[in-house]
C-alpha atoms as a PDB file:
ATOM      1  CA  MET A   1       0.001   0.000   0.000  1.00  0.00           C
ATOM      2  CA  THR A   2       1.136   3.533  -0.716  1.00  0.00           C
ATOM      3  CA  GLY A   3      -0.085   6.567   1.231  1.00  0.00           C
ATOM      4  CA  ALA A   4      -0.895   4.547   4.350  1.00  0.00           C
ATOM      5  CA  THR A   5      -0.018   7.392   6.733  1.00  0.00           C
ATOM      6  CA  GLY A   6      -2.142   9.979   4.911  1.00  0.00           C
ATOM      7  CA  TYR A   7      -5.637  11.146   5.773  1.00  0.00           C
ATOM      8  CA  ILE A   8      -7.524   8.715   3.540  1.00  0.00           C
ATOM      9  CA  GLY A   9      -4.790   6.086   3.540  1.00  0.00           C
ATOM     10  CA  SER A  10      -4.646   5.766   7.309  1.00  0.00           C
ATOM     11  CA  ALA A  11      -8.402   5.101   7.398  1.00  0.00           C
ATOM     12  CA  ILE A  12      -8.030   2.439   4.700  1.00  0.00           C
ATOM     13  CA  ALA A  13      -5.145   0.862   6.614  1.00  0.00           C
ATOM     14  CA  ARG A  14      -7.220   0.706   9.817  1.00  0.00           C
ATOM     15  CA  ARG A  15     -10.036  -1.001   7.976  1.00  0.00           C
ATOM     16  CA  LEU A  16      -7.703  -3.491   6.319  1.00  0.00           C
ATOM     17  CA  LEU A  17      -6.210  -4.411   9.682  1.00  0.00           C
ATOM     18  CA  GLU A  18      -9.671  -4.754  11.223  1.00  0.00           C
ATOM     19  CA  THR A  19     -10.613  -7.243   8.505  1.00  0.00           C
ATOM     20  CA  GLY A  20      -7.552  -9.403   9.196  1.00  0.00           C
ATOM     21  CA  ASN A  21      -5.189  -8.222   6.473  1.00  0.00           C
ATOM     22  CA  GLN A  22      -1.427  -7.837   6.773  1.00  0.00           C
ATOM     23  CA  ILE A  23      -0.078  -4.634   5.270  1.00  0.00           C
ATOM     24  CA  VAL A  24       3.261  -3.676   3.806  1.00  0.00           C
ATOM     25  CA  ALA A  25       3.271   0.099   3.302  1.00  0.00           C
ATOM     26  CA  LEU A  26       5.666   2.453   1.566  1.00  0.00           C
ATOM     27  CA  ALA A  27       7.448   4.779   4.018  1.00  0.00           C
ATOM     28  CA  ARG A  28       9.679   7.562   2.780  1.00  0.00           C
ATOM     29  CA  SER A  29      10.621   9.006   6.185  1.00  0.00           C
ATOM     30  CA  ASP A  30      11.577   7.862   9.671  1.00  0.00           C
ATOM     31  CA  ASP A  31       8.422   9.482  11.019  1.00  0.00           C
ATOM     32  CA  ALA A  32       6.260   7.482   8.594  1.00  0.00           C
ATOM     33  CA  THR A  33       8.126   4.327   9.562  1.00  0.00           C
ATOM     34  CA  ARG A  34       7.396   4.892  13.248  1.00  0.00           C
ATOM     35  CA  LYS A  35       3.714   5.567  12.583  1.00  0.00           C
ATOM     36  CA  LEU A  36       3.357   2.398  10.545  1.00  0.00           C
ATOM     37  CA  GLU A  37       5.171   0.208  13.042  1.00  0.00           C
ATOM     38  CA  LYS A  38       2.998   1.564  15.845  1.00  0.00           C
ATOM     39  CA  GLN A  39      -0.089   0.379  13.932  1.00  0.00           C
ATOM     40  CA  GLY A  40       1.343  -3.063  13.270  1.00  0.00           C
ATOM     41  CA  ILE A  41       2.103  -2.315   9.614  1.00  0.00           C
ATOM     42  CA  GLU A  42       5.368  -3.428   8.008  1.00  0.00           C
ATOM     43  CA  PRO A  43       7.171  -0.379   6.580  1.00  0.00           C
ATOM     44  CA  LEU A  44       8.854  -0.552   3.196  1.00  0.00           C
ATOM     45  CA  HIS A  45      11.521   2.143   2.994  1.00  0.00           C
ATOM     46  CA  GLY A  46      11.279   4.073  -0.264  1.00  0.00           C
ATOM     47  CA  ALA A  47       9.504   6.760  -2.262  1.00  0.00           C
ATOM     48  CA  LEU A  48       7.220   6.807  -5.282  1.00  0.00           C
ATOM     49  CA  THR A  49      10.282   7.481  -7.407  1.00  0.00           C
ATOM     50  CA  ASP A  50      11.817   4.145  -6.358  1.00  0.00           C
ATOM     51  CA  THR A  51      10.172   2.197  -9.156  1.00  0.00           C
ATOM     52  CA  GLN A  52      12.197  -0.990  -8.670  1.00  0.00           C
ATOM     53  CA  ILE A  53      11.098  -1.157  -5.039  1.00  0.00           C
ATOM     54  CA  LEU A  54       7.477  -0.664  -6.103  1.00  0.00           C
ATOM     55  CA  THR A  55       7.670  -3.395  -8.712  1.00  0.00           C
ATOM     56  CA  HIS A  56       9.253  -5.884  -6.310  1.00  0.00           C
ATOM     57  CA  ALA A  57       6.737  -5.087  -3.548  1.00  0.00           C
ATOM     58  CA  ALA A  58       3.781  -5.435  -5.926  1.00  0.00           C
ATOM     59  CA  ARG A  59       5.082  -8.791  -7.150  1.00  0.00           C
ATOM     60  CA  SER A  60       5.267 -10.037  -3.556  1.00  0.00           C
ATOM     61  CA  ALA A  61       1.838  -8.780  -2.497  1.00  0.00           C
ATOM     62  CA  ASP A  62      -1.622 -10.283  -2.810  1.00  0.00           C
ATOM     63  CA  GLY A  63      -2.912  -6.904  -3.981  1.00  0.00           C
ATOM     64  CA  VAL A  64      -2.008  -3.220  -4.099  1.00  0.00           C
ATOM     65  CA  ILE A  65      -3.796  -0.034  -3.079  1.00  0.00           C
ATOM     66  CA  HIS A  66      -2.099   3.043  -4.531  1.00  0.00           C
ATOM     67  CA  ASN A  67      -3.256   5.996  -2.464  1.00  0.00           C
ATOM     68  CA  ALA A  68      -0.169   8.242  -2.374  1.00  0.00           C
ATOM     69  CA  PHE A  69       0.315  11.357  -4.492  1.00  0.00           C
ATOM     70  CA  ASP A  70       3.493  13.377  -4.128  1.00  0.00           C
ATOM     71  CA  MET A  71       2.747  17.120  -4.192  1.00  0.00           C
ATOM     72  CA  SER A  72       6.165  18.085  -2.840  1.00  0.00           C
ATOM     73  CA  THR A  73       7.270  18.917  -6.390  1.00  0.00           C
ATOM     74  CA  GLY A  74       5.129  22.064  -6.265  1.00  0.00           C
ATOM     75  CA  ASP A  75       3.985  21.398  -9.815  1.00  0.00           C
ATOM     76  CA  PHE A  76       0.955  19.272 -10.621  1.00  0.00           C
ATOM     77  CA  ALA A  77       2.248  18.209 -14.039  1.00  0.00           C
ATOM     78  CA  THR A  78       5.474  16.914 -12.500  1.00  0.00           C
ATOM     79  CA  SER A  79       3.554  15.160  -9.725  1.00  0.00           C
ATOM     80  CA  ASN A  80       1.286  13.491 -12.291  1.00  0.00           C
ATOM     81  CA  ALA A  81       4.317  12.340 -14.283  1.00  0.00           C
ATOM     82  CA  LEU A  82       5.803  10.776 -11.130  1.00  0.00           C
ATOM     83  CA  ASP A  83       2.459   9.159 -10.363  1.00  0.00           C
ATOM     84  CA  ALA A  84       2.251   7.686 -13.851  1.00  0.00           C
ATOM     85  CA  GLU A  85       5.714   6.169 -13.459  1.00  0.00           C
ATOM     86  CA  ALA A  86       4.774   4.702 -10.063  1.00  0.00           C
ATOM     87  CA  VAL A  87       1.618   3.182 -11.536  1.00  0.00           C
ATOM     88  CA  GLU A  88       3.573   1.635 -14.408  1.00  0.00           C
ATOM     89  CA  ALA A  89       6.013   0.114 -11.899  1.00  0.00           C
ATOM     90  CA  LEU A  90       3.160  -1.404  -9.891  1.00  0.00           C
ATOM     91  CA  ILE A  91       1.567  -2.788 -13.056  1.00  0.00           C
ATOM     92  CA  VAL A  92       4.846  -4.451 -14.056  1.00  0.00           C
ATOM     93  CA  GLY A  93       4.949  -6.154 -10.657  1.00  0.00           C
ATOM     94  CA  LEU A  94       1.368  -7.400 -10.887  1.00  0.00           C
ATOM     95  CA  GLN A  95       1.072  -8.387 -14.543  1.00  0.00           C
ATOM     96  CA  GLY A  96       0.151 -12.007 -15.081  1.00  0.00           C
ATOM     97  CA  SER A  97      -1.031 -12.454 -11.505  1.00  0.00           C
ATOM     98  CA  ASP A  98      -4.707 -11.421 -11.843  1.00  0.00           C
ATOM     99  CA  LYS A  99      -4.220  -9.639  -8.515  1.00  0.00           C
ATOM    100  CA  PRO A 100      -5.924  -6.295  -7.766  1.00  0.00           C
ATOM    101  CA  LEU A 101      -4.460  -2.826  -8.214  1.00  0.00           C
ATOM    102  CA  VAL A 102      -6.788  -0.200  -6.724  1.00  0.00           C
ATOM    103  CA  TYR A 103      -5.892   3.304  -7.889  1.00  0.00           C
ATOM    104  CA  THR A 104      -7.073   6.439  -6.092  1.00  0.00           C
ATOM    105  CA  SER A 105      -8.251   9.215  -8.401  1.00  0.00           C
ATOM    106  CA  GLY A 106     -10.987  11.724  -7.520  1.00  0.00           C
ATOM    107  CA  THR A 107     -14.089  13.463  -8.820  1.00  0.00           C
ATOM    108  CA  GLY A 108     -12.056  16.627  -9.277  1.00  0.00           C
ATOM    109  CA  VAL A 109     -11.391  15.247 -12.772  1.00  0.00           C
ATOM    110  CA  LEU A 110     -15.066  15.892 -13.595  1.00  0.00           C
ATOM    111  CA  GLY A 111     -14.765  19.662 -13.401  1.00  0.00           C
ATOM    112  CA  ASP A 112     -17.922  21.669 -12.676  1.00  0.00           C
ATOM    113  CA  THR A 113     -20.805  19.203 -12.990  1.00  0.00           C
ATOM    114  CA  GLY A 114     -23.442  21.940 -13.239  1.00  0.00           C
ATOM    115  CA  ALA A 115     -26.955  20.680 -12.502  1.00  0.00           C
ATOM    116  CA  ALA A 116     -26.069  17.070 -13.371  1.00  0.00           C
ATOM    117  CA  ILE A 117     -25.072  14.198 -11.128  1.00  0.00           C
ATOM    118  CA  TYR A 118     -22.266  12.422 -12.983  1.00  0.00           C
ATOM    119  CA  ASP A 119     -21.971   8.663 -13.097  1.00  0.00           C
ATOM    120  CA  GLU A 120     -18.983   6.716 -14.398  1.00  0.00           C
ATOM    121  CA  GLU A 121     -20.235   6.917 -18.003  1.00  0.00           C
ATOM    122  CA  THR A 122     -20.928  10.672 -18.131  1.00  0.00           C
ATOM    123  CA  PRO A 123     -18.669  12.366 -20.719  1.00  0.00           C
ATOM    124  CA  ILE A 124     -16.090  14.671 -19.145  1.00  0.00           C
ATOM    125  CA  ALA A 125     -15.479  18.000 -20.854  1.00  0.00           C
ATOM    126  CA  ALA A 126     -12.034  19.548 -20.795  1.00  0.00           C
ATOM    127  CA  SER A 127     -12.036  22.374 -18.260  1.00  0.00           C
ATOM    128  CA  GLU A 128     -10.865  25.923 -18.866  1.00  0.00           C
ATOM    129  CA  LEU A 129      -9.648  26.239 -15.265  1.00  0.00           C
ATOM    130  CA  PRO A 130      -5.908  25.512 -14.945  1.00  0.00           C
ATOM    131  CA  ALA A 131      -6.345  23.647 -11.667  1.00  0.00           C
ATOM    132  CA  VAL A 132      -9.004  21.347 -13.112  1.00  0.00           C
ATOM    133  CA  ARG A 133      -6.967  20.808 -16.284  1.00  0.00           C
ATOM    134  CA  SER A 134      -4.148  19.635 -14.042  1.00  0.00           C
ATOM    135  CA  LEU A 135      -6.482  17.235 -12.253  1.00  0.00           C
ATOM    136  CA  GLN A 136      -7.756  15.923 -15.574  1.00  0.00           C
ATOM    137  CA  MET A 137      -4.259  14.701 -16.388  1.00  0.00           C
ATOM    138  CA  ARG A 138      -5.135  11.831 -14.064  1.00  0.00           C
ATOM    139  CA  LEU A 139      -7.689  10.551 -16.574  1.00  0.00           C
ATOM    140  CA  LYS A 140      -4.842   9.083 -18.619  1.00  0.00           C
ATOM    141  CA  ILE A 141      -3.461   7.313 -15.535  1.00  0.00           C
ATOM    142  CA  GLU A 142      -6.940   5.986 -14.750  1.00  0.00           C
ATOM    143  CA  ARG A 143      -7.134   4.505 -18.237  1.00  0.00           C
ATOM    144  CA  THR A 144      -3.695   2.907 -17.862  1.00  0.00           C
ATOM    145  CA  VAL A 145      -4.877   1.109 -14.711  1.00  0.00           C
ATOM    146  CA  LEU A 146      -8.234   0.073 -16.154  1.00  0.00           C
ATOM    147  CA  ASP A 147      -6.691  -1.311 -19.358  1.00  0.00           C
ATOM    148  CA  ALA A 148      -3.712  -3.039 -17.729  1.00  0.00           C
ATOM    149  CA  PRO A 149      -3.600  -6.717 -18.809  1.00  0.00           C
ATOM    150  CA  GLY A 150      -3.032  -9.639 -16.490  1.00  0.00           C
ATOM    151  CA  LEU A 151      -4.315  -7.991 -13.308  1.00  0.00           C
ATOM    152  CA  ARG A 152      -7.473  -6.520 -11.794  1.00  0.00           C
ATOM    153  CA  GLY A 153      -7.136  -2.816 -12.464  1.00  0.00           C
ATOM    154  CA  ILE A 154      -9.702  -0.816 -10.446  1.00  0.00           C
ATOM    155  CA  VAL A 155     -10.123   2.959 -10.097  1.00  0.00           C
ATOM    156  CA  LEU A 156     -11.983   4.762  -7.305  1.00  0.00           C
ATOM    157  CA  ARG A 157     -12.970   8.409  -7.607  1.00  0.00           C
ATOM    158  CA  PRO A 158     -13.685   9.790  -4.126  1.00  0.00           C
ATOM    159  CA  PRO A 159     -15.554  13.088  -3.991  1.00  0.00           C
ATOM    160  CA  ASN A 160     -15.046  15.586  -1.180  1.00  0.00           C
ATOM    161  CA  VAL A 161     -14.073  13.684   1.970  1.00  0.00           C
ATOM    162  CA  TYR A 162     -14.798  14.634   5.590  1.00  0.00           C
ATOM    163  CA  GLY A 163     -14.543  13.212   9.091  1.00  0.00           C
ATOM    164  CA  LEU A 164     -11.733  12.473  11.542  1.00  0.00           C
ATOM    165  CA  GLY A 165     -10.097  15.871  11.181  1.00  0.00           C
ATOM    166  CA  ASP A 166     -11.001  16.353   7.509  1.00  0.00           C
ATOM    167  CA  GLY A 167      -7.410  16.084   6.250  1.00  0.00           C
ATOM    168  CA  ARG A 168      -5.751  18.999   4.478  1.00  0.00           C
ATOM    169  CA  ALA A 169      -8.634  19.311   2.028  1.00  0.00           C
ATOM    170  CA  VAL A 170     -11.792  21.327   1.414  1.00  0.00           C
ATOM    171  CA  PHE A 171     -13.179  21.581   4.939  1.00  0.00           C
ATOM    172  CA  TRP A 172      -9.733  21.994   6.486  1.00  0.00           C
ATOM    173  CA  MET A 173      -9.049  25.069   4.336  1.00  0.00           C
ATOM    174  CA  ILE A 174     -12.518  26.524   4.835  1.00  0.00           C
ATOM    175  CA  ARG A 175     -12.313  26.081   8.603  1.00  0.00           C
ATOM    176  CA  ALA A 176      -8.912  27.785   8.630  1.00  0.00           C
ATOM    177  CA  ALA A 177     -10.357  30.717   6.681  1.00  0.00           C
ATOM    178  CA  ALA A 178     -13.348  30.889   9.034  1.00  0.00           C
ATOM    179  CA  GLN A 179     -11.075  31.120  12.064  1.00  0.00           C
ATOM    180  CA  ARG A 180      -9.487  34.219  10.554  1.00  0.00           C
ATOM    181  CA  LEU A 181     -12.772  35.782   9.378  1.00  0.00           C
ATOM    182  CA  GLY A 182     -15.040  34.849  12.277  1.00  0.00           C
ATOM    183  CA  ALA A 183     -17.519  33.415   9.753  1.00  0.00           C
ATOM    184  CA  VAL A 184     -17.480  30.584   7.232  1.00  0.00           C
ATOM    185  CA  PRO A 185     -16.975  31.875   3.673  1.00  0.00           C
ATOM    186  CA  TYR A 186     -18.741  30.759   0.529  1.00  0.00           C
ATOM    187  CA  ALA A 187     -18.934  32.273  -2.954  1.00  0.00           C
ATOM    188  CA  VAL A 188     -21.332  35.087  -3.883  1.00  0.00           C
ATOM    189  CA  GLY A 189     -23.933  33.645  -6.231  1.00  0.00           C
ATOM    190  CA  ALA A 190     -22.769  30.089  -5.574  1.00  0.00           C
ATOM    191  CA  GLY A 191     -24.604  29.355  -2.360  1.00  0.00           C
ATOM    192  CA  ASP A 192     -26.981  27.047  -4.228  1.00  0.00           C
ATOM    193  CA  ASN A 193     -24.193  25.031  -5.803  1.00  0.00           C
ATOM    194  CA  PHE A 194     -24.454  21.354  -4.972  1.00  0.00           C
ATOM    195  CA  TRP A 195     -21.811  18.933  -3.777  1.00  0.00           C
ATOM    196  CA  THR A 196     -21.275  15.247  -3.033  1.00  0.00           C
ATOM    197  CA  PHE A 197     -19.441  14.082   0.085  1.00  0.00           C
ATOM    198  CA  VAL A 198     -18.263  10.863   1.714  1.00  0.00           C
ATOM    199  CA  HIS A 199     -17.085  10.177   5.252  1.00  0.00           C
ATOM    200  CA  VAL A 200     -13.540   8.877   5.330  1.00  0.00           C
ATOM    201  CA  ASP A 201     -14.576   5.696   7.201  1.00  0.00           C
ATOM    202  CA  ASP A 202     -17.210   4.870   4.576  1.00  0.00           C
ATOM    203  CA  LEU A 203     -14.630   5.494   1.870  1.00  0.00           C
ATOM    204  CA  ALA A 204     -12.246   3.081   3.584  1.00  0.00           C
ATOM    205  CA  ASP A 205     -14.976   0.436   3.534  1.00  0.00           C
ATOM    206  CA  LEU A 206     -15.336   0.905  -0.216  1.00  0.00           C
ATOM    207  CA  PHE A 207     -11.600   0.505  -0.804  1.00  0.00           C
ATOM    208  CA  VAL A 208     -11.651  -2.835   1.003  1.00  0.00           C
ATOM    209  CA  LEU A 209     -14.700  -3.980  -0.976  1.00  0.00           C
ATOM    210  CA  ALA A 210     -13.041  -2.963  -4.242  1.00  0.00           C
ATOM    211  CA  LEU A 211      -9.869  -4.805  -3.309  1.00  0.00           C
ATOM    212  CA  GLU A 212     -11.811  -7.954  -2.487  1.00  0.00           C
ATOM    213  CA  LYS A 213     -14.651  -7.966  -5.006  1.00  0.00           C
ATOM    214  CA  ALA A 214     -14.282  -5.554  -7.938  1.00  0.00           C
ATOM    215  CA  PRO A 215     -13.793  -7.080 -11.400  1.00  0.00           C
ATOM    216  CA  ALA A 216     -10.952  -5.950 -13.632  1.00  0.00           C
ATOM    217  CA  GLY A 217     -11.357  -2.704 -15.538  1.00  0.00           C
ATOM    218  CA  GLN A 218     -13.990  -1.165 -13.279  1.00  0.00           C
ATOM    219  CA  LEU A 219     -14.276   2.500 -12.303  1.00  0.00           C
ATOM    220  CA  PHE A 220     -16.335   3.528  -9.276  1.00  0.00           C
ATOM    221  CA  HIS A 221     -17.524   6.868  -7.942  1.00  0.00           C
ATOM    222  CA  ALA A 222     -17.467   6.961  -4.154  1.00  0.00           C
ATOM    223  CA  GLY A 223     -19.950   9.559  -2.936  1.00  0.00           C
ATOM    224  CA  ALA A 224     -22.284   8.813  -0.047  1.00  0.00           C
ATOM    225  CA  GLN A 225     -24.517  11.902  -0.086  1.00  0.00           C
ATOM    226  CA  ASN A 226     -25.544  14.246  -2.917  1.00  0.00           C
ATOM    227  CA  GLY A 227     -27.522  17.473  -3.009  1.00  0.00           C
ATOM    228  CA  LEU A 228     -25.566  19.385  -0.381  1.00  0.00           C
ATOM    229  CA  ARG A 229     -25.724  23.156  -0.937  1.00  0.00           C
ATOM    230  CA  THR A 230     -22.568  25.112  -0.239  1.00  0.00           C
ATOM    231  CA  ARG A 231     -24.539  27.716   1.726  1.00  0.00           C
ATOM    232  CA  ASP A 232     -26.025  25.023   3.974  1.00  0.00           C
ATOM    233  CA  ILE A 233     -22.629  23.401   4.415  1.00  0.00           C
ATOM    234  CA  ALA A 234     -21.168  26.761   5.423  1.00  0.00           C
ATOM    235  CA  VAL A 235     -23.885  27.239   8.064  1.00  0.00           C
ATOM    236  CA  ALA A 236     -23.329  23.747   9.479  1.00  0.00           C
ATOM    237  CA  LEU A 237     -19.573  24.246   9.602  1.00  0.00           C
ATOM    238  CA  SER A 238     -20.113  27.545  11.386  1.00  0.00           C
ATOM    239  CA  HIS A 239     -22.238  25.914  14.095  1.00  0.00           C
ATOM    240  CA  GLY A 240     -19.682  23.146  14.489  1.00  0.00           C
ATOM    241  CA  MET A 241     -16.932  25.730  14.991  1.00  0.00           C
ATOM    242  CA  GLY A 242     -18.924  27.619  17.621  1.00  0.00           C
ATOM    243  CA  LEU A 243     -19.518  30.601  15.325  1.00  0.00           C
ATOM    244  CA  GLY A 244     -23.280  30.530  15.771  1.00  0.00           C
ATOM    245  CA  GLY A 245     -24.089  29.877  12.114  1.00  0.00           C
ATOM    246  CA  LYS A 246     -22.281  32.984  10.871  1.00  0.00           C
ATOM    247  CA  THR A 247     -21.309  32.870   7.213  1.00  0.00           C
ATOM    248  CA  VAL A 248     -20.019  35.415   4.721  1.00  0.00           C
ATOM    249  CA  ALA A 249     -20.538  35.509   0.947  1.00  0.00           C
ATOM    250  CA  LEU A 250     -17.390  36.649  -0.869  1.00  0.00           C
ATOM    251  CA  ASP A 251     -16.616  37.407  -4.503  1.00  0.00           C
ATOM    252  CA  GLY A 252     -13.966  35.384  -6.315  1.00  0.00           C
ATOM    253  CA  PRO A 253     -10.849  37.414  -5.433  1.00  0.00           C
ATOM    254  CA  ALA A 254     -11.905  37.885  -1.804  1.00  0.00           C
ATOM    255  CA  LEU A 255     -12.688  34.170  -1.435  1.00  0.00           C
ATOM    256  CA  ALA A 256      -9.334  33.215  -2.917  1.00  0.00           C
ATOM    257  CA  GLU A 257      -7.586  35.564  -0.498  1.00  0.00           C
ATOM    258  CA  ALA A 258      -9.558  34.238   2.464  1.00  0.00           C
ATOM    259  CA  ILE A 259      -8.874  30.588   1.671  1.00  0.00           C
ATOM    260  CA  GLY A 260      -5.297  31.277   0.650  1.00  0.00           C
ATOM    261  CA  PHE A 261      -5.364  28.821  -2.256  1.00  0.00           C
ATOM    262  CA  PRO A 262      -7.116  30.107  -5.427  1.00  0.00           C
ATOM    263  CA  PRO A 263      -7.791  26.634  -6.930  1.00  0.00           C
ATOM    264  CA  MET A 264      -9.723  25.682  -3.806  1.00  0.00           C
ATOM    265  CA  ALA A 265     -11.702  28.908  -3.996  1.00  0.00           C
ATOM    266  CA  ASP A 266     -12.654  28.053  -7.594  1.00  0.00           C
ATOM    267  CA  TYR A 267     -13.658  24.586  -6.453  1.00  0.00           C
ATOM    268  CA  TRP A 268     -15.776  25.894  -3.539  1.00  0.00           C
ATOM    269  CA  SER A 269     -17.544  28.114  -6.090  1.00  0.00           C
ATOM    270  CA  SER A 270     -18.525  25.237  -8.389  1.00  0.00           C
ATOM    271  CA  ASN A 271     -20.817  22.216  -8.498  1.00  0.00           C
ATOM    272  CA  SER A 272     -19.398  18.780  -7.789  1.00  0.00           C
ATOM    273  CA  GLN A 273     -21.881  15.912  -7.775  1.00  0.00           C
ATOM    274  CA  SER A 274     -21.378  12.247  -8.583  1.00  0.00           C
ATOM    275  CA  SER A 275     -23.457   9.067  -8.291  1.00  0.00           C
ATOM    276  CA  SER A 276     -22.189   5.993  -6.433  1.00  0.00           C
ATOM    277  CA  GLU A 277     -25.075   3.755  -7.508  1.00  0.00           C
ATOM    278  CA  LYS A 278     -22.643   1.460  -9.345  1.00  0.00           C
ATOM    279  CA  ALA A 279     -20.505   0.856  -6.240  1.00  0.00           C
ATOM    280  CA  ARG A 280     -23.578   0.149  -4.147  1.00  0.00           C
ATOM    281  CA  ARG A 281     -25.018  -2.239  -6.736  1.00  0.00           C
ATOM    282  CA  MET A 282     -21.856  -4.122  -7.777  1.00  0.00           C
ATOM    283  CA  LEU A 283     -19.919  -4.154  -4.514  1.00  0.00           C
ATOM    284  CA  GLY A 284     -22.707  -3.980  -1.922  1.00  0.00           C
ATOM    285  CA  TRP A 285     -21.321  -0.747  -0.466  1.00  0.00           C
ATOM    286  CA  LYS A 286     -23.543   0.707   2.280  1.00  0.00           C
ATOM    287  CA  PRO A 287     -22.281   4.049   3.621  1.00  0.00           C
ATOM    288  CA  ARG A 288     -23.138   4.561   7.297  1.00  0.00           C
ATOM    289  CA  HIS A 289     -22.711   8.343   7.408  1.00  0.00           C
ATOM    290  CA  ALA A 290     -25.593   9.918   5.510  1.00  0.00           C
ATOM    291  CA  ASP A 291     -26.189  13.274   7.229  1.00  0.00           C
ATOM    292  CA  LEU A 292     -23.133  15.459   6.751  1.00  0.00           C
ATOM    293  CA  LEU A 293     -24.886  18.655   7.835  1.00  0.00           C
ATOM    294  CA  ALA A 294     -25.834  17.227  11.228  1.00  0.00           C
ATOM    295  CA  GLU A 295     -22.400  15.698  11.751  1.00  0.00           C
ATOM    296  CA  VAL A 296     -20.334  18.782  10.989  1.00  0.00           C
ATOM    297  CA  ALA A 297     -22.727  21.039  12.897  1.00  0.00           C
ATOM    298  CA  GLN A 298     -21.941  19.026  16.036  1.00  0.00           C
ATOM    299  CA  THR A 299     -18.229  18.723  15.457  1.00  0.00           C
ATOM    300  CA  SER A 300     -16.004  20.569  17.902  1.00  0.00           C
ATOM    301  CA  VAL A 301     -12.750  21.806  16.327  1.00  0.00           C
END
C-alpha cells in the first residue's frame, strides 16, 4: 500500500487491519516508519520514485492499493508524471497475476458538474480552469490502470471527503479561513451550488470492498450523499466551529484571499456531484454516514 499514513490512507489501513489483512506500506521518512510500526504495519523504505522497489513489492503482495500522491514537487504536471511512473512500476509487478491494483483518483477530474449528477459513463469536458486541467491529467493514468492486462485494475474516484479531522482538504481550508474571518466563507452567487461528500470511514470500507470484489477494468464513484448546498454546508460548519451559524458571501478574489489557495476557492464556487449507484449495486457498499450537515454542525474543532 502507498499513502498509508495519509488522511484517507490511514483510514483504509485501519479497515484493512480490522478485517484481518497484513499490510506492507511504503514509508519515505523515519516518522512514517514509526507511525506504521506503531499500527502493526510493516514499513517498506522508499519513495514513489523508487520504481524498482514498487515493482518488487507489488510482485510479492496479494494486492495493491495506490493511495499516495506526491505534491512536494510544487507542480501538478510533475507530480502526475511521477504518479504515472509509479503506476507503471506497480503494473509491471502485478502483470500475469490477476491480482488487484486499486488506484485512487478523484471526482475533481469531472470539473464543474453543473446541474447534473455524474456517473462513471458521463462524458467529461475539458475544463478551462488551470487547476481542473491539471487534475484531468489523471484521466490518462486511470485509463492505464483500467486497461492493464493480467491484473485486476480498479479505479476509485472519491468526492469531497470529511470526518476524523477532515485532512488537508476542502473543509480543512474553509475552517482555517473561518477562524481568521469569524464566519465561514462561501462564494457570492454560488450558495446554491451542490456537492457530493463521503465520510472517510465509509470510503475506507469501499476501498476494502473494491480490493476484495471488484472485477478488472472497473471505475467507481465513491460519494455517499448528494444534493448538499454550499450555503447550507457553510452554516453547518459555522455551528460546528462555535460561530453561531455565521457565514459570509465573498466574490472570487476575496474568497481566494480568504482561503489562501485560489484553486480551492474556484472549487468551492462550483458544483461537484457524482453518483455511487454502481458501487452500491456491484460491490454492496452501504455508507453509514448519511447526514453530513448534522455531523459537521456538532463537530467541535
